Protein backbone atom coordinates (compact mmCIF):
# COMPACT_ATOMS: atom_id res chain seq x y z
CA UNK A 1 -1.65 -12.28 -4.34
CA UNK A 2 1.65 -10.58 -3.59
CA UNK A 3 3.24 -8.04 -5.93
CA UNK A 4 5.91 -10.63 -6.76
CA UNK A 5 3.17 -13.14 -7.54
CA UNK A 6 1.53 -10.71 -9.96
CA UNK A 7 4.91 -10.04 -11.56
CA UNK A 8 5.62 -13.75 -11.93
CA UNK A 9 2.20 -14.32 -13.51
CA UNK A 10 2.85 -11.67 -16.17
CA UNK A 11 6.49 -12.61 -16.73
CA UNK A 12 5.65 -16.27 -17.35
CA UNK A 13 3.09 -15.41 -20.02
CA UNK A 14 5.27 -12.76 -21.66
CA UNK A 15 8.28 -15.09 -21.77
CA UNK A 16 6.17 -17.81 -23.36
CA UNK A 17 4.74 -15.39 -25.95
CA UNK A 18 8.25 -14.18 -26.85
CA UNK A 19 9.77 -17.67 -26.76
CA UNK A 20 12.43 -16.63 -24.27
CA UNK A 21 13.46 -18.48 -21.13
CA UNK A 22 13.10 -15.55 -18.73
CA UNK A 23 12.25 -11.99 -19.69
CA UNK A 24 13.81 -9.22 -17.60
CA UNK A 25 10.99 -7.74 -15.50
CA UNK A 26 10.40 -5.73 -12.34
CA UNK A 27 7.73 -3.72 -10.55
CA UNK A 28 7.76 -0.08 -9.49
CA UNK A 29 6.60 -0.33 -5.91
CA UNK A 30 5.13 -3.16 -3.83
CA UNK A 31 1.46 -3.37 -2.91
CA UNK A 32 0.49 -4.99 0.38
CA UNK A 33 -0.98 -8.49 -0.20
CA UNK A 34 -4.45 -7.30 0.89
CA UNK A 35 -4.30 -4.14 -1.22
CA UNK A 36 -5.61 -3.64 -4.75
CA UNK A 37 -4.96 -1.09 -7.47
CA UNK A 38 -2.10 0.19 -9.59
CA UNK A 39 1.00 -2.00 -9.88
CA UNK A 40 3.35 -0.87 -12.65
CA UNK A 41 5.28 -3.73 -14.24
CA UNK A 42 8.32 -2.99 -16.40
CA UNK A 43 9.98 -5.30 -18.90
CA UNK A 44 13.16 -5.24 -20.97
CA UNK A 45 14.76 -1.79 -21.29
CA UNK A 46 11.85 -0.22 -19.40
CA UNK A 47 13.18 -1.76 -16.17
CA UNK A 48 15.64 1.16 -16.14
CA UNK A 49 12.68 3.40 -15.31
CA UNK A 50 11.76 1.53 -12.13
CA UNK A 51 13.72 3.73 -9.73
CA UNK A 52 12.28 6.98 -11.08
CA UNK A 53 8.76 5.53 -11.04
CA UNK A 54 9.16 4.54 -7.39
CA UNK A 55 9.69 8.19 -6.49
CA UNK A 56 6.49 9.28 -8.25
CA UNK A 57 3.55 10.59 -6.22
CA UNK A 58 1.01 7.96 -5.20
CA UNK A 59 -2.69 8.21 -4.45
CA UNK A 60 -4.68 5.78 -2.31
CA UNK A 61 -8.19 5.24 -1.04
CA UNK A 62 -8.44 3.49 2.31
CA UNK A 63 -11.10 2.37 4.78
CA UNK A 64 -10.28 2.36 8.48
CA UNK A 65 -12.05 0.55 11.30
CA UNK A 66 -11.88 2.71 14.40
CA UNK A 67 -11.82 1.40 17.96
CA UNK A 68 -9.46 -1.54 17.47
CA UNK A 69 -5.96 -2.48 16.36
CA UNK A 70 -4.22 -5.50 14.85
CA UNK A 71 -0.48 -6.37 14.93
CA UNK A 72 -0.14 -5.65 11.19
CA UNK A 73 -2.48 -2.62 11.24
CA UNK A 74 -4.75 -4.33 8.67
CA UNK A 75 -6.94 -7.45 8.27
CA UNK A 76 -3.96 -9.78 7.83
CA UNK A 77 -4.08 -10.33 11.59
CA UNK A 78 -6.97 -10.49 14.05
CA UNK A 79 -7.84 -7.72 16.52
CA UNK A 80 -5.50 -7.62 19.53
CA UNK A 81 -6.82 -4.52 21.34
CA UNK A 82 -10.06 -2.54 21.47
CA UNK A 83 -10.55 1.11 22.42
CA UNK A 84 -13.40 3.54 23.21
CA UNK A 85 -15.00 5.36 20.29
CA UNK A 86 -17.99 7.23 21.76
CA UNK A 87 -16.03 10.48 21.69
CA UNK A 88 -15.20 10.24 17.96
CA UNK A 89 -17.21 12.53 15.68
CA UNK A 90 -16.80 13.64 12.09
CA UNK A 91 -15.78 17.06 13.39
CA UNK A 92 -12.99 15.52 15.50
CA UNK A 93 -11.69 13.54 12.53
CA UNK A 94 -11.71 16.65 10.35
CA UNK A 95 -9.62 18.47 12.98
CA UNK A 96 -7.11 15.62 13.34
CA UNK A 97 -6.39 14.75 9.70
CA UNK A 98 -4.61 18.03 8.75
CA UNK A 99 -1.93 17.17 11.35
CA UNK A 100 -0.70 14.46 8.97
CA UNK A 101 -0.29 16.71 5.92
CA UNK A 102 3.22 17.84 5.01
CA UNK A 103 6.57 16.36 6.02
CA UNK A 104 5.98 13.93 8.88
CA UNK A 105 7.78 11.23 10.86
CA UNK A 106 6.39 7.71 10.58
CA UNK A 107 7.48 4.45 12.18
CA UNK A 108 7.06 1.64 9.61
CA UNK A 109 4.97 -1.41 10.57
CA UNK A 110 6.76 -4.35 12.17
CA UNK A 111 5.12 -6.49 9.50
CA UNK A 112 6.92 -4.80 6.62
CA UNK A 113 9.83 -5.47 4.27
CA UNK A 114 12.13 -3.07 6.12
CA UNK A 115 15.63 -4.39 6.77
CA UNK A 116 17.01 -4.80 10.28
CA UNK A 117 20.65 -5.89 10.23
CA UNK A 118 20.05 -7.76 7.00
CA UNK A 119 16.80 -9.38 8.11
CA UNK A 120 13.29 -8.58 6.90
CA UNK A 121 11.18 -7.07 9.69
CA UNK A 122 8.09 -9.15 8.84
CA UNK A 123 10.06 -12.41 9.08
CA UNK A 124 11.32 -11.43 12.52
CA UNK A 125 7.81 -10.40 13.63
CA UNK A 126 6.33 -13.70 12.46
CA UNK A 127 8.90 -15.54 14.58
CA UNK A 128 7.81 -13.54 17.60
CA UNK A 129 11.04 -11.55 17.74
CA UNK A 130 11.06 -7.94 18.91
CA UNK A 131 11.09 -5.52 15.99
CA UNK A 132 12.27 -1.96 16.61
CA UNK A 133 12.11 0.36 13.60
CA UNK A 134 13.20 3.98 13.56
CA UNK A 135 10.91 6.79 12.35
CA UNK A 136 11.31 7.82 8.73
CA UNK A 137 10.69 11.23 7.21
CA UNK A 138 8.08 11.19 4.45
CA UNK A 139 5.69 13.52 2.68
CA UNK A 140 1.90 13.52 2.60
CA UNK A 141 0.41 16.06 0.20
CA UNK A 142 -3.32 15.55 0.81
CA UNK A 143 -5.68 13.70 3.14
CA UNK A 144 -9.40 13.92 2.51
CA UNK A 145 -12.13 12.34 4.61
CA UNK A 146 -14.55 10.85 2.08
CA UNK A 147 -16.88 8.94 4.41
CA UNK A 148 -17.61 8.44 8.10
CA UNK A 149 -20.23 6.12 9.60
CA UNK A 150 -20.72 6.79 13.35
CA UNK A 151 -22.71 3.57 13.73
CA UNK A 152 -20.00 1.20 12.48
CA UNK A 153 -17.12 3.55 13.32
CA UNK A 154 -15.66 3.15 9.86
CA UNK A 155 -14.09 6.02 7.95
CA UNK A 156 -12.72 6.31 4.42
CA UNK A 157 -9.94 8.60 3.26
CA UNK A 158 -8.13 9.61 0.09
CA UNK A 159 -4.38 10.08 0.51
CA UNK A 160 -1.83 11.64 -1.86
CA UNK A 161 1.70 10.91 -0.70
CA UNK A 162 5.35 10.36 -1.58
CA UNK A 163 7.67 7.35 -1.53
CA UNK A 164 7.91 5.25 1.63
CA UNK A 165 4.47 6.02 3.06
CA UNK A 166 2.78 3.08 4.77
CA UNK A 167 -0.97 3.68 4.76
CA UNK A 168 -1.28 0.93 7.39
CA UNK A 169 0.99 2.94 9.68
CA UNK A 170 -0.98 6.09 8.87
CA UNK A 171 -4.15 4.28 10.00
CA UNK A 172 -2.41 3.36 13.27
CA UNK A 173 -1.33 6.97 13.83
CA UNK A 174 -4.76 8.40 12.99
CA UNK A 175 -6.31 6.03 15.53
CA UNK A 176 -3.86 7.18 18.18
CA UNK A 177 -4.49 10.84 17.32
CA UNK A 178 -8.20 10.20 17.88
CA UNK A 179 -7.40 8.73 21.33
CA UNK A 180 -8.55 5.35 20.09
CA UNK A 181 -7.25 2.70 17.71
CA UNK A 182 -7.60 1.98 14.00
CA UNK A 183 -6.67 -0.57 11.36
CA UNK A 184 -7.18 -0.88 7.60
CA UNK A 185 -10.06 -2.92 6.22
CA UNK A 186 -9.48 -1.91 2.58
CA UNK A 187 -6.71 -0.23 0.60
CA UNK A 188 -6.50 0.65 -3.09
CA UNK A 189 -3.69 2.46 -4.91
CA UNK A 190 -5.58 4.57 -7.43
CA UNK A 191 -2.59 6.36 -8.99
CA UNK A 192 1.18 6.05 -9.32
CA UNK A 193 2.68 9.05 -11.08
CA UNK A 194 0.65 9.65 -14.25
CA UNK A 195 -0.77 6.11 -14.31
CA UNK A 196 -4.31 5.90 -12.95
CA UNK A 197 -6.28 2.79 -12.08
CA UNK A 198 -8.60 3.33 -15.05
CA UNK A 199 -5.53 3.06 -17.34
CA UNK A 200 -4.63 -0.39 -16.02
CA UNK A 201 -5.35 -3.97 -17.01
CA UNK A 202 -6.57 -6.52 -14.50
CA UNK A 203 -4.59 -9.75 -14.23
CA UNK A 204 -7.66 -11.62 -15.49
CA UNK A 205 -7.69 -9.49 -18.64
CA UNK A 206 -3.96 -9.70 -19.27
CA UNK A 207 -3.85 -13.01 -21.27
CA UNK A 208 -6.52 -11.80 -23.74
CA UNK A 209 -4.74 -8.44 -24.08
CA UNK A 210 -1.41 -10.16 -24.71
CA UNK A 211 -2.89 -12.32 -27.46
CA UNK A 212 -3.74 -9.16 -29.41
CA UNK A 213 -0.26 -7.62 -29.15
CA UNK A 214 2.49 -7.72 -31.76
CA UNK A 215 5.72 -7.70 -29.79
CA UNK A 216 9.27 -8.75 -30.43
CA UNK A 217 12.27 -9.52 -28.29
CA UNK A 218 14.31 -6.27 -28.00
């Protein structure tokens, strides 16, 4: 499900509960369709907080498959290139990761919502058009290697970062820094600002939660 799909699901049920045609709603930062985790939804007057929430620090956990790449840098597309991995060790990964901490330059993925002359990059990429995106300056506060399996060549990381960071692009760049390739097999946003994943409702639980609320149209 896309972030817009999750928003529409909640908005429809809220609007029905409040007996309004369409409740003002918005989300504070898109999640990739294959990602899970924290998605903050704002309604009514709280939509004014969206911009400030988007600038809040984010935390992710991610699993990378080393030795291969995909056009989208995740499992949305199939592998297009493979690379050697025999030289990759935990020690090498530990030496490489600190290079991505601090203020860095990152080229967004072609399959992203970035605008190119008024057109979405992912729509152009899906049509087979050439997508050229310029590097953007962003901030990564922490990267921690939480797991590495030399047999499967999979590694897991925890990332604390600022607005505009594409973890898919970070996976691509880590693969290149290891003289190999990499793409995401799993991604979860565990925190956005002060909101942690344990504070959140799942979409499945939302209808039952809503039934217990006493809310009024502002």
